[in-house]
């Protein structure tokens, strides 16, 4: 289900005895963080961008990778995030 922010949680796993979550967000439209290299984004502490799925192909991102509308974003975190923009500090 898409929320008003233009992102949706596709999958959520609670891991490490419910102390962390692995969350898949579907990025459905432009966001504050889309089309910007990851190295230029200021993320909250305890947020890891573990993978980006672009055109159905997952990859482990580096600092030059960008998140684009239509991508899925896999986050591992100890925080409870409700929307993808919650990763930003």
Protein backbone atom coordinates (compact mmCIF):
# COMPACT_ATOMS: atom_id res chain seq x y z
CA UNK A 1 0.00 0.00 0.00
CA UNK A 2 1.40 3.38 -1.00
CA UNK A 3 1.39 6.15 1.56
CA UNK A 4 1.09 9.85 0.80
CA UNK A 5 4.86 10.22 0.60
CA UNK A 6 5.08 8.26 -2.67
CA UNK A 7 6.84 5.30 -1.10
CA UNK A 8 5.49 2.04 0.19
CA UNK A 9 6.77 -0.72 2.42
CA UNK A 10 6.80 -3.86 0.26
CA UNK A 11 8.43 -6.19 2.77
CA UNK A 12 9.44 -5.94 6.41
CA UNK A 13 11.45 -8.47 8.40
CA UNK A 14 12.22 -8.14 12.07
CA UNK A 15 15.69 -9.54 12.72
CA UNK A 16 18.18 -9.93 15.57
CA UNK A 17 15.49 -10.80 18.12
CA UNK A 18 13.29 -7.88 17.00
CA UNK A 19 16.10 -5.36 17.62
CA UNK A 20 16.50 -4.46 13.93
CA UNK A 21 14.45 -4.44 10.75
CA UNK A 22 15.15 -5.16 7.11
CA UNK A 23 12.68 -3.09 5.10
CA UNK A 24 11.98 -2.99 1.38
CA UNK A 25 10.55 0.33 0.19
CA UNK A 26 9.13 0.78 -3.32
CA UNK A 27 10.00 4.27 -4.58
CA UNK A 28 7.02 5.26 -6.70
CA UNK A 29 7.87 8.88 -7.53
CA UNK A 30 10.50 11.59 -7.07
CA UNK A 31 11.74 12.01 -3.49
CA UNK A 32 14.19 14.31 -1.69
CA UNK A 33 16.85 11.65 -2.17
CA UNK A 34 16.22 10.46 -5.74
CA UNK A 35 18.82 11.08 -8.47
CA UNK A 36 21.42 12.15 -5.87
CA UNK A 37 24.59 10.06 -5.35
CA UNK A 38 24.37 8.24 -2.00
CA UNK A 39 27.64 9.81 -0.87
CA UNK A 40 25.90 13.21 -0.88
CA UNK A 41 22.96 12.08 1.28
CA UNK A 42 22.98 12.63 5.02
CA UNK A 43 21.44 9.51 6.56
CA UNK A 44 20.28 8.96 10.10
CA UNK A 45 22.56 6.97 12.37
CA UNK A 46 21.85 3.21 12.33
CA UNK A 47 20.50 3.23 8.76
CA UNK A 48 22.19 1.05 6.13
CA UNK A 49 21.19 1.07 2.46
CA UNK A 50 21.88 -2.61 1.88
CA UNK A 51 20.61 -2.90 -1.70
CA UNK A 52 18.88 -1.08 -4.52
CA UNK A 53 16.74 -2.99 -7.00
CA UNK A 54 16.74 -1.26 -10.40
CA UNK A 55 14.87 -2.77 -13.36
CA UNK A 56 14.39 -5.94 -11.32
CA UNK A 57 18.12 -6.36 -10.71
CA UNK A 58 19.40 -6.03 -7.12
CA UNK A 59 22.84 -4.58 -6.47
CA UNK A 60 24.86 -3.45 -3.49
CA UNK A 61 25.23 0.31 -3.88
CA UNK A 62 28.34 2.41 -3.52
CA UNK A 63 28.67 6.16 -2.96
CA UNK A 64 28.07 6.93 -6.63
CA UNK A 65 24.83 4.92 -6.81
CA UNK A 66 21.52 6.76 -7.03
CA UNK A 67 17.98 5.82 -6.11
CA UNK A 68 15.48 6.43 -8.90
CA UNK A 69 11.67 6.37 -9.12
CA UNK A 70 10.61 2.78 -9.79
CA UNK A 71 13.47 1.34 -7.73
CA UNK A 72 13.12 -0.69 -4.56
CA UNK A 73 15.32 0.23 -1.63
CA UNK A 74 16.42 -2.35 0.95
CA UNK A 75 17.22 -0.76 4.32
CA UNK A 76 18.59 -2.42 7.45
CA UNK A 77 18.05 -0.37 10.58
CA UNK A 78 17.47 -0.37 14.31
CA UNK A 79 14.98 2.49 13.83
CA UNK A 80 11.30 2.12 13.04
CA UNK A 81 10.81 3.74 9.66
CA UNK A 82 7.35 4.38 8.21
CA UNK A 83 8.42 5.86 4.85
CA UNK A 84 11.62 5.92 2.84
CA UNK A 85 12.28 9.60 3.51
CA UNK A 86 12.66 8.70 7.19
CA UNK A 87 16.22 7.52 6.36
CA UNK A 88 17.35 11.15 5.99
CA UNK A 89 18.89 13.00 8.93
